[in-house]
Amino acid sequence: MDVTVYKTSTGQITARYSRETIDDIIPLISDDEGYVEGWYDFTSQYVDHDNEAVFDLPPSPGPSFVFDYEEWGWIDTYDAITELDLVRSQTSMTRTAFCVACARAGIISEDDAIGAAAGAIPPGFMPVFNAMSEEERFENRVRWAGAVTISRMDPIILACAEHIGMTPEALDSLFGIE
């Protein structure tokens, strides 16, 4: 026997059981739950407790919406900040493209961009490196010299952006995040 369990107060489907008899299922159901025979979907259906009928939920307005059974409507769970953080963490560009973008934005000179593309640290970024311990400075200079790609969220890039007073939004723009 297949049974779908739901909250009697909201109609939200909470469990499904397949057992030999209803007597095997009843102990699994709490006092605030009801059941209907059949196998119904958690994400797209609900149970009308008054007549124990199963209905489809209203269509979802979009992928970021979840159905709130208490408010009886779709709630948008989209979080622009979380999505922006995800985009930022996944965005990078080649070191060459980064140097060209910095020169075009007026952050470094064209000559410094050419040197930086070859592995030199732009003079405007040196105060960030100089503020590091000797060990950190060495490690980060080697990392810069060997970098093929530059990540939007690289700690050195974030420190350099902060040093020159660049806003997070301006850094996003530099990396092509709109």
N, C-alpha and C. Protein backbone atom coordinates (compact mmCIF):
# COMPACT_ATOMS: atom_id res chain seq x y z
N MET A 1 0.85 -1.17 0.00
CA MET A 1 0.00 0.00 0.00
C MET A 1 0.89 1.24 0.00
N ASP A 2 0.59 2.20 -0.89
CA ASP A 2 1.32 3.46 -0.96
C ASP A 2 0.48 4.56 -0.32
N VAL A 3 1.13 5.34 0.56
CA VAL A 3 0.44 6.40 1.29
C VAL A 3 1.29 7.67 1.25
N THR A 4 0.64 8.80 1.05
CA THR A 4 1.30 10.10 1.12
C THR A 4 0.82 10.79 2.39
N VAL A 5 1.76 11.28 3.18
CA VAL A 5 1.46 11.93 4.46
C VAL A 5 1.59 13.44 4.27
N TYR A 6 0.71 14.21 4.95
CA TYR A 6 0.72 15.66 4.81
C TYR A 6 0.38 16.30 6.15
N LYS A 7 0.79 17.58 6.28
CA LYS A 7 0.43 18.35 7.47
C LYS A 7 -1.03 18.76 7.35
N THR A 8 -1.81 18.47 8.35
CA THR A 8 -3.24 18.80 8.27
C THR A 8 -3.48 20.30 8.30
N SER A 9 -2.58 21.06 8.88
CA SER A 9 -2.78 22.51 8.97
C SER A 9 -2.52 23.23 7.65
N THR A 10 -1.65 22.65 6.80
CA THR A 10 -1.27 23.35 5.58
C THR A 10 -1.49 22.56 4.30
N GLY A 11 -1.53 21.25 4.39
CA GLY A 11 -1.64 20.42 3.21
C GLY A 11 -0.29 20.04 2.62
N GLN A 12 0.79 20.53 3.21
CA GLN A 12 2.13 20.24 2.70
C GLN A 12 2.45 18.76 2.85
N ILE A 13 2.86 18.16 1.75
CA ILE A 13 3.24 16.75 1.77
C ILE A 13 4.59 16.62 2.47
N THR A 14 4.64 15.71 3.46
CA THR A 14 5.84 15.58 4.28
C THR A 14 6.53 14.24 4.16
N ALA A 15 5.79 13.21 3.72
CA ALA A 15 6.40 11.88 3.64
C ALA A 15 5.57 11.00 2.71
N ARG A 16 6.21 9.93 2.27
CA ARG A 16 5.52 8.90 1.50
C ARG A 16 5.99 7.55 2.03
N TYR A 17 5.05 6.64 2.18
CA TYR A 17 5.38 5.32 2.68
C TYR A 17 4.78 4.25 1.80
N SER A 18 5.50 3.17 1.68
CA SER A 18 5.01 1.99 0.99
C SER A 18 5.18 0.82 1.94
N ARG A 19 4.06 0.30 2.42
CA ARG A 19 4.09 -0.82 3.38
C ARG A 19 3.01 -1.84 2.98
N GLU A 20 3.02 -2.97 3.66
CA GLU A 20 2.06 -4.04 3.37
C GLU A 20 0.62 -3.61 3.68
N THR A 21 0.42 -2.99 4.86
CA THR A 21 -0.94 -2.61 5.26
C THR A 21 -0.93 -1.21 5.87
N ILE A 22 -2.12 -0.62 5.99
CA ILE A 22 -2.24 0.70 6.62
C ILE A 22 -1.84 0.62 8.08
N ASP A 23 -2.03 -0.53 8.70
CA ASP A 23 -1.63 -0.70 10.10
C ASP A 23 -0.12 -0.57 10.28
N ASP A 24 0.65 -0.84 9.23
CA ASP A 24 2.10 -0.66 9.29
C ASP A 24 2.49 0.80 9.14
N ILE A 25 1.59 1.61 8.60
CA ILE A 25 1.88 3.02 8.32
C ILE A 25 1.40 3.94 9.43
N ILE A 26 0.26 3.66 10.03
CA ILE A 26 -0.34 4.52 11.05
C ILE A 26 0.65 4.92 12.15
N PRO A 27 1.48 4.01 12.67
CA PRO A 27 2.43 4.42 13.72
C PRO A 27 3.46 5.46 13.25
N LEU A 28 3.63 5.58 11.94
CA LEU A 28 4.61 6.52 11.41
C LEU A 28 4.05 7.94 11.26
N ILE A 29 2.77 8.10 11.45
CA ILE A 29 2.10 9.38 11.22
C ILE A 29 1.85 10.07 12.55
N SER A 30 2.26 11.35 12.65
CA SER A 30 2.10 12.09 13.91
C SER A 30 0.67 12.65 14.02
N ASP A 31 0.36 13.19 15.19
CA ASP A 31 -0.98 13.69 15.46
C ASP A 31 -1.38 14.86 14.57
N ASP A 32 -0.41 15.64 14.10
CA ASP A 32 -0.74 16.81 13.27
C ASP A 32 -0.64 16.49 11.77
N GLU A 33 -0.64 15.20 11.43
CA GLU A 33 -0.56 14.79 10.04
C GLU A 33 -1.77 13.94 9.65
N GLY A 34 -2.05 13.97 8.37
CA GLY A 34 -3.06 13.10 7.80
C GLY A 34 -2.44 12.31 6.67
N TYR A 35 -3.21 11.46 6.03
CA TYR A 35 -2.67 10.70 4.92
C TYR A 35 -3.73 10.46 3.86
N VAL A 36 -3.28 10.24 2.66
CA VAL A 36 -4.14 9.84 1.54
C VAL A 36 -3.46 8.67 0.85
N GLU A 37 -4.26 7.80 0.29
CA GLU A 37 -3.69 6.68 -0.46
C GLU A 37 -3.13 7.19 -1.77
N GLY A 38 -1.98 6.66 -2.15
CA GLY A 38 -1.34 7.05 -3.39
C GLY A 38 0.03 7.64 -3.14
N TRP A 39 0.74 7.84 -4.20
CA TRP A 39 2.12 8.32 -4.15
C TRP A 39 2.15 9.68 -4.83
N TYR A 40 2.24 10.77 -4.06
CA TYR A 40 2.15 12.12 -4.61
C TYR A 40 3.46 12.88 -4.41
N ASP A 41 3.63 13.94 -5.19
CA ASP A 41 4.89 14.66 -5.27
C ASP A 41 5.03 15.75 -4.20
N PHE A 42 6.18 15.77 -3.52
CA PHE A 42 6.48 16.76 -2.48
C PHE A 42 6.52 18.19 -3.04
N THR A 43 7.09 18.33 -4.22
CA THR A 43 7.41 19.67 -4.73
C THR A 43 6.31 20.31 -5.56
N SER A 44 5.35 19.54 -6.03
CA SER A 44 4.36 20.14 -6.93
C SER A 44 2.92 19.90 -6.54
N GLN A 45 2.69 19.21 -5.42
CA GLN A 45 1.31 18.91 -5.03
C GLN A 45 1.08 19.17 -3.54
N TYR A 46 -0.20 19.29 -3.18
CA TYR A 46 -0.60 19.44 -1.78
C TYR A 46 -1.91 18.71 -1.58
N VAL A 47 -2.29 18.53 -0.32
CA VAL A 47 -3.52 17.83 0.01
C VAL A 47 -4.48 18.79 0.68
N ASP A 48 -5.70 18.86 0.17
CA ASP A 48 -6.78 19.63 0.81
C ASP A 48 -7.35 18.74 1.91
N HIS A 49 -7.07 19.11 3.17
CA HIS A 49 -7.44 18.26 4.30
C HIS A 49 -8.95 18.08 4.42
N ASP A 50 -9.74 19.10 4.08
CA ASP A 50 -11.19 19.01 4.25
C ASP A 50 -11.80 17.87 3.44
N ASN A 51 -11.31 17.65 2.24
CA ASN A 51 -11.89 16.56 1.44
C ASN A 51 -10.86 15.51 1.02
N GLU A 52 -9.66 15.60 1.59
CA GLU A 52 -8.57 14.67 1.33
C GLU A 52 -8.30 14.49 -0.16
N ALA A 53 -8.42 15.58 -0.91
CA ALA A 53 -8.13 15.56 -2.34
C ALA A 53 -6.73 16.12 -2.57
N VAL A 54 -6.07 15.61 -3.57
CA VAL A 54 -4.72 16.07 -3.90
C VAL A 54 -4.82 17.01 -5.09
N PHE A 55 -4.13 18.16 -4.97
CA PHE A 55 -4.14 19.16 -6.02
C PHE A 55 -2.72 19.55 -6.37
N ASP A 56 -2.55 20.08 -7.59
CA ASP A 56 -1.27 20.63 -7.98
C ASP A 56 -1.13 22.02 -7.38
N LEU A 57 0.09 22.36 -6.95
CA LEU A 57 0.36 23.72 -6.49
C LEU A 57 0.21 24.67 -7.67
N PRO A 58 -0.07 25.94 -7.41
CA PRO A 58 -0.09 26.90 -8.52
C PRO A 58 1.29 26.94 -9.18
N PRO A 59 1.35 27.30 -10.46
CA PRO A 59 2.65 27.32 -11.14
C PRO A 59 3.64 28.27 -10.46
N SER A 60 4.89 27.85 -10.41
CA SER A 60 5.95 28.67 -9.82
C SER A 60 6.29 29.82 -10.77
N PRO A 61 6.46 31.03 -10.23
CA PRO A 61 6.83 32.16 -11.08
C PRO A 61 8.28 32.12 -11.56
N GLY A 62 9.12 31.29 -10.96
CA GLY A 62 10.51 31.24 -11.39
C GLY A 62 11.32 30.25 -10.59
N PRO A 63 12.55 30.01 -11.01
CA PRO A 63 13.37 28.98 -10.36
C PRO A 63 13.80 29.29 -8.93
N SER A 64 13.79 30.55 -8.54
CA SER A 64 14.24 30.89 -7.17
C SER A 64 13.08 30.93 -6.18
N PHE A 65 11.89 30.53 -6.60
CA PHE A 65 10.72 30.58 -5.72
C PHE A 65 10.47 29.24 -5.04
N VAL A 66 10.06 29.31 -3.77
CA VAL A 66 9.62 28.13 -3.02
C VAL A 66 8.22 28.41 -2.50
N PHE A 67 7.45 27.37 -2.35
CA PHE A 67 6.07 27.55 -1.90
C PHE A 67 6.03 27.61 -0.39
N ASP A 68 5.41 28.66 0.14
CA ASP A 68 5.25 28.84 1.58
C ASP A 68 3.84 28.39 1.95
N TYR A 69 3.76 27.27 2.62
CA TYR A 69 2.45 26.70 2.95
C TYR A 69 1.73 27.50 4.03
N GLU A 70 2.47 28.19 4.87
CA GLU A 70 1.84 29.01 5.91
C GLU A 70 1.17 30.25 5.30
N GLU A 71 1.87 30.89 4.38
CA GLU A 71 1.35 32.11 3.73
C GLU A 71 0.53 31.78 2.49
N TRP A 72 0.61 30.56 2.07
CA TRP A 72 -0.08 30.03 0.90
C TRP A 72 0.24 30.84 -0.36
N GLY A 73 1.53 30.86 -0.66
CA GLY A 73 1.97 31.55 -1.85
C GLY A 73 3.44 31.30 -2.11
N TRP A 74 3.89 31.71 -3.28
CA TRP A 74 5.28 31.53 -3.68
C TRP A 74 6.13 32.66 -3.09
N ILE A 75 7.26 32.31 -2.53
CA ILE A 75 8.20 33.26 -1.93
C ILE A 75 9.48 33.24 -2.76
N ASP A 76 9.94 34.42 -3.14
CA ASP A 76 11.18 34.51 -3.91
C ASP A 76 12.37 34.42 -2.97
N THR A 77 13.19 33.40 -3.15
CA THR A 77 14.36 33.19 -2.30
C THR A 77 15.64 33.68 -2.96
N TYR A 78 15.49 34.34 -4.10
CA TYR A 78 16.66 34.86 -4.81
C TYR A 78 17.41 35.84 -3.94
N ASP A 79 18.70 35.69 -3.88
CA ASP A 79 19.55 36.58 -3.10
C ASP A 79 20.63 37.12 -4.03
N ALA A 80 20.46 38.36 -4.44
CA ALA A 80 21.39 38.97 -5.40
C ALA A 80 22.82 39.01 -4.85
N ILE A 81 22.96 39.23 -3.55
CA ILE A 81 24.30 39.29 -2.96
C ILE A 81 24.98 37.93 -3.07
N THR A 82 24.25 36.87 -2.75
CA THR A 82 24.82 35.54 -2.84
C THR A 82 25.21 35.22 -4.28
N GLU A 83 24.36 35.58 -5.24
CA GLU A 83 24.67 35.32 -6.63
C GLU A 83 25.88 36.14 -7.08
N LEU A 84 25.95 37.40 -6.65
CA LEU A 84 27.09 38.24 -7.00
C LEU A 84 28.38 37.66 -6.41
N ASP A 85 28.33 37.19 -5.18
CA ASP A 85 29.50 36.57 -4.56
C ASP A 85 29.94 35.34 -5.35
N LEU A 86 28.98 34.56 -5.82
CA LEU A 86 29.29 33.38 -6.62
C LEU A 86 29.96 33.78 -7.94
N VAL A 87 29.38 34.77 -8.61
CA VAL A 87 29.95 35.24 -9.87
C VAL A 87 31.37 35.77 -9.64
N ARG A 88 31.54 36.57 -8.59
CA ARG A 88 32.87 37.10 -8.29
C ARG A 88 33.88 35.98 -8.06
N SER A 89 33.47 34.95 -7.32
CA SER A 89 34.41 33.86 -7.00
C SER A 89 34.77 33.02 -8.22
N GLN A 90 33.95 33.08 -9.25
CA GLN A 90 34.21 32.27 -10.45
C GLN A 90 34.80 33.08 -11.60
N THR A 91 35.01 34.37 -11.40
CA THR A 91 35.48 35.23 -12.48
C THR A 91 36.99 35.41 -12.42
N SER A 92 37.61 35.22 -13.57
CA SER A 92 39.04 35.46 -13.70
C SER A 92 39.32 35.86 -15.14
N MET A 93 40.52 36.31 -15.38
CA MET A 93 40.96 36.63 -16.74
C MET A 93 42.45 36.35 -16.82
N THR A 94 42.94 36.28 -18.03
CA THR A 94 44.39 36.07 -18.17
C THR A 94 45.11 37.27 -17.59
N ARG A 95 46.34 37.05 -17.19
CA ARG A 95 47.12 38.16 -16.66
C ARG A 95 47.27 39.25 -17.72
N THR A 96 47.45 38.85 -18.98
CA THR A 96 47.57 39.82 -20.06
C THR A 96 46.31 40.67 -20.17
N ALA A 97 45.14 40.03 -20.17
CA ALA A 97 43.87 40.77 -20.25
C ALA A 97 43.69 41.69 -19.04
N PHE A 98 44.10 41.21 -17.87
CA PHE A 98 44.01 42.03 -16.66
C PHE A 98 44.88 43.28 -16.80
N CYS A 99 46.10 43.12 -17.29
CA CYS A 99 47.01 44.26 -17.44
C CYS A 99 46.48 45.26 -18.46
N VAL A 100 45.92 44.76 -19.56
CA VAL A 100 45.32 45.66 -20.56
C VAL A 100 44.14 46.40 -19.94
N ALA A 101 43.29 45.69 -19.19
CA ALA A 101 42.13 46.32 -18.55
C ALA A 101 42.57 47.39 -17.56
N CYS A 102 43.61 47.11 -16.79
CA CYS A 102 44.12 48.09 -15.82
C CYS A 102 44.66 49.34 -16.53
N ALA A 103 45.37 49.13 -17.64
CA ALA A 103 45.89 50.29 -18.39
C ALA A 103 44.74 51.10 -18.99
N ARG A 104 43.76 50.43 -19.56
CA ARG A 104 42.62 51.14 -20.16
C ARG A 104 41.80 51.89 -19.11
N ALA A 105 41.79 51.37 -17.89
CA ALA A 105 41.06 52.03 -16.81
C ALA A 105 41.89 53.12 -16.15
N GLY A 106 43.13 53.29 -16.57
CA GLY A 106 43.99 54.32 -16.00
C GLY A 106 44.59 53.96 -14.66
N ILE A 107 44.55 52.68 -14.31
CA ILE A 107 45.09 52.23 -13.03
C ILE A 107 46.61 52.14 -13.10
N ILE A 108 47.11 51.67 -14.22
CA ILE A 108 48.55 51.61 -14.46
C ILE A 108 48.83 52.18 -15.85
N SER A 109 50.07 52.56 -16.08
CA SER A 109 50.44 53.09 -17.40
C SER A 109 50.56 51.94 -18.40
N GLU A 110 50.60 52.30 -19.68
CA GLU A 110 50.78 51.28 -20.71
C GLU A 110 52.11 50.56 -20.54
N ASP A 111 53.16 51.33 -20.24
CA ASP A 111 54.48 50.70 -20.04
C ASP A 111 54.45 49.74 -18.84
N ASP A 112 53.77 50.14 -17.75
CA ASP A 112 53.67 49.26 -16.59
C ASP A 112 52.83 48.03 -16.92
N ALA A 113 51.83 48.18 -17.78
CA ALA A 113 51.00 47.04 -18.20
C ALA A 113 51.83 46.03 -18.97
N ILE A 114 52.70 46.53 -19.84
CA ILE A 114 53.57 45.63 -20.61
C ILE A 114 54.50 44.86 -19.67
N GLY A 115 55.09 45.56 -18.72
CA GLY A 115 55.96 44.89 -17.74
C GLY A 115 55.19 43.91 -16.88
N ALA A 116 54.00 44.30 -16.44
CA ALA A 116 53.18 43.44 -15.58
C ALA A 116 52.74 42.18 -16.33
N ALA A 117 52.43 42.33 -17.63
CA ALA A 117 52.04 41.17 -18.42
C ALA A 117 53.19 40.17 -18.52
N ALA A 118 54.42 40.68 -18.44
CA ALA A 118 55.61 39.82 -18.48
C ALA A 118 56.00 39.30 -17.10
N GLY A 119 55.29 39.73 -16.05
CA GLY A 119 55.56 39.22 -14.71
C GLY A 119 56.05 40.23 -13.70
N ALA A 120 56.34 41.47 -14.15
CA ALA A 120 56.78 42.50 -13.20
C ALA A 120 55.57 43.02 -12.41
N ILE A 121 55.82 43.43 -11.19
CA ILE A 121 54.73 44.01 -10.38
C ILE A 121 54.63 45.49 -10.72
N PRO A 122 53.43 45.95 -11.06
CA PRO A 122 53.28 47.38 -11.38
C PRO A 122 53.70 48.23 -10.18
N PRO A 123 54.40 49.33 -10.41
CA PRO A 123 54.85 50.18 -9.30
C PRO A 123 53.71 50.63 -8.38
N GLY A 124 52.55 50.87 -8.93
CA GLY A 124 51.41 51.29 -8.10
C GLY A 124 50.94 50.22 -7.13
N PHE A 125 51.31 48.96 -7.41
CA PHE A 125 50.91 47.86 -6.52
C PHE A 125 51.98 47.53 -5.48
N MET A 126 53.19 48.07 -5.67
CA MET A 126 54.31 47.74 -4.79
C MET A 126 54.05 48.05 -3.31
N PRO A 127 53.36 49.15 -2.95
CA PRO A 127 53.11 49.38 -1.53
C PRO A 127 52.37 48.21 -0.85
N VAL A 128 51.49 47.55 -1.60
CA VAL A 128 50.79 46.40 -1.03
C VAL A 128 51.79 45.28 -0.75
N PHE A 129 52.67 45.02 -1.69
CA PHE A 129 53.68 43.97 -1.51
C PHE A 129 54.67 44.36 -0.41
N ASN A 130 55.04 45.62 -0.36
CA ASN A 130 56.01 46.08 0.65
C ASN A 130 55.46 46.02 2.06
N ALA A 131 54.14 46.03 2.21
CA ALA A 131 53.52 45.95 3.53
C ALA A 131 53.51 44.52 4.08
N MET A 132 53.87 43.57 3.24
CA MET A 132 53.88 42.16 3.64
C MET A 132 55.18 41.81 4.35
N SER A 133 55.12 40.70 5.08
CA SER A 133 56.37 40.19 5.65
C SER A 133 57.27 39.76 4.49
N GLU A 134 58.54 39.61 4.78
CA GLU A 134 59.50 39.24 3.74
C GLU A 134 59.10 37.91 3.07
N GLU A 135 58.68 36.96 3.89
CA GLU A 135 58.28 35.65 3.38
C GLU A 135 57.03 35.75 2.49
N GLU A 136 56.03 36.50 2.96
CA GLU A 136 54.80 36.69 2.17
C GLU A 136 55.09 37.43 0.87
N ARG A 137 55.90 38.45 0.97
CA ARG A 137 56.25 39.24 -0.22
C ARG A 137 56.90 38.36 -1.28
N PHE A 138 57.89 37.54 -0.85
CA PHE A 138 58.57 36.65 -1.78
C PHE A 138 57.55 35.70 -2.43
N GLU A 139 56.74 35.06 -1.60
CA GLU A 139 55.76 34.10 -2.12
C GLU A 139 54.79 34.76 -3.09
N ASN A 140 54.27 35.93 -2.76
CA ASN A 140 53.30 36.60 -3.62
C ASN A 140 53.93 37.17 -4.88
N ARG A 141 55.19 37.58 -4.81
CA ARG A 141 55.87 38.04 -6.03
C ARG A 141 56.08 36.88 -6.99
N VAL A 142 56.42 35.71 -6.44
CA VAL A 142 56.57 34.52 -7.29
C VAL A 142 55.21 34.12 -7.88
N ARG A 143 54.17 34.17 -7.05
CA ARG A 143 52.82 33.85 -7.55
C ARG A 143 52.43 34.79 -8.68
N TRP A 144 52.69 36.09 -8.52
CA TRP A 144 52.35 37.07 -9.57
C TRP A 144 53.15 36.77 -10.84
N ALA A 145 54.45 36.54 -10.67
CA ALA A 145 55.31 36.30 -11.84
C ALA A 145 54.89 35.06 -12.61
N GLY A 146 54.37 34.06 -11.91
CA GLY A 146 53.98 32.82 -12.58
C GLY A 146 52.51 32.71 -12.93
N ALA A 147 51.74 33.72 -12.56
CA ALA A 147 50.29 33.64 -12.79
C ALA A 147 49.94 33.66 -14.27
N VAL A 148 49.08 32.75 -14.65
CA VAL A 148 48.54 32.74 -16.00
C VAL A 148 47.19 33.45 -15.99
N THR A 149 46.43 33.21 -14.93
CA THR A 149 45.13 33.88 -14.78
C THR A 149 45.12 34.66 -13.47
N ILE A 150 44.28 35.69 -13.47
CA ILE A 150 44.09 36.53 -12.28
C ILE A 150 42.63 36.40 -11.88
N SER A 151 42.41 36.00 -10.65
CA SER A 151 41.06 35.82 -10.13
C SER A 151 40.54 37.13 -9.54
N ARG A 152 39.26 37.40 -9.75
CA ARG A 152 38.62 38.60 -9.20
C ARG A 152 38.77 38.65 -7.67
N MET A 153 38.75 37.49 -7.03
CA MET A 153 38.79 37.43 -5.57
C MET A 153 40.18 37.10 -5.02
N ASP A 154 41.21 37.18 -5.84
CA ASP A 154 42.57 36.94 -5.36
C ASP A 154 42.88 37.96 -4.27
N PRO A 155 43.39 37.51 -3.13
CA PRO A 155 43.68 38.44 -2.03
C PRO A 155 44.62 39.59 -2.42
N ILE A 156 45.57 39.33 -3.30
CA ILE A 156 46.48 40.39 -3.74
C ILE A 156 45.70 41.43 -4.55
N ILE A 157 44.84 40.98 -5.43
CA ILE A 157 44.04 41.90 -6.25
C ILE A 157 43.13 42.73 -5.34
N LEU A 158 42.50 42.07 -4.37
CA LEU A 158 41.63 42.80 -3.44
C LEU A 158 42.42 43.83 -2.65
N ALA A 159 43.61 43.47 -2.20
CA ALA A 159 44.44 44.42 -1.43
C ALA A 159 44.90 45.58 -2.31
N CYS A 160 45.28 45.28 -3.56
CA CYS A 160 45.71 46.35 -4.47
C CYS A 160 44.55 47.29 -4.79
N ALA A 161 43.37 46.72 -5.00
CA ALA A 161 42.19 47.54 -5.28
C ALA A 161 41.87 48.44 -4.09
N GLU A 162 41.95 47.89 -2.90
CA GLU A 162 41.70 48.69 -1.70
C GLU A 162 42.75 49.80 -1.57
N HIS A 163 44.00 49.46 -1.84
CA HIS A 163 45.09 50.42 -1.72
C HIS A 163 44.87 51.63 -2.63
N ILE A 164 44.37 51.42 -3.83
CA ILE A 164 44.17 52.55 -4.76
C ILE A 164 42.77 53.16 -4.63
N GLY A 165 41.99 52.66 -3.67
CA GLY A 165 40.66 53.23 -3.44
C GLY A 165 39.60 52.77 -4.43
N MET A 166 39.80 51.64 -5.04
CA MET A 166 38.86 51.11 -6.02
C MET A 166 37.70 50.44 -5.30
N THR A 167 36.48 50.76 -5.69
CA THR A 167 35.31 50.14 -5.07
C THR A 167 35.13 48.72 -5.58
N PRO A 168 34.43 47.87 -4.83
CA PRO A 168 34.14 46.52 -5.33
C PRO A 168 33.42 46.54 -6.68
N GLU A 169 32.53 47.51 -6.86
CA GLU A 169 31.79 47.60 -8.13
C GLU A 169 32.72 47.96 -9.28
N ALA A 170 33.68 48.84 -9.03
CA ALA A 170 34.65 49.20 -10.08
C ALA A 170 35.54 48.00 -10.41
N LEU A 171 35.90 47.22 -9.39
CA LEU A 171 36.69 46.02 -9.64
C LEU A 171 35.86 45.01 -10.44
N ASP A 172 34.57 44.90 -10.11
CA ASP A 172 33.68 44.04 -10.89
C ASP A 172 33.70 44.45 -12.35
N SER A 173 33.58 45.74 -12.60
CA SER A 173 33.56 46.25 -13.95
C SER A 173 34.87 45.94 -14.68
N LEU A 174 35.98 46.08 -13.99
CA LEU A 174 37.28 45.78 -14.57
C LEU A 174 37.33 44.32 -15.04
N PHE A 175 36.68 43.44 -14.29
CA PHE A 175 36.65 42.02 -14.63
C PHE A 175 35.46 41.64 -15.52
N GLY A 176 34.70 42.63 -15.96
CA GLY A 176 33.59 42.37 -16.86
C GLY A 176 32.32 41.90 -16.21
N ILE A 177 32.21 42.09 -14.89
CA ILE A 177 30.98 41.73 -14.18
C ILE A 177 30.06 42.94 -14.20
N GLU A 178 28.92 42.75 -14.77
CA GLU A 178 27.95 43.86 -14.86
C GLU A 178 26.82 43.67 -13.88
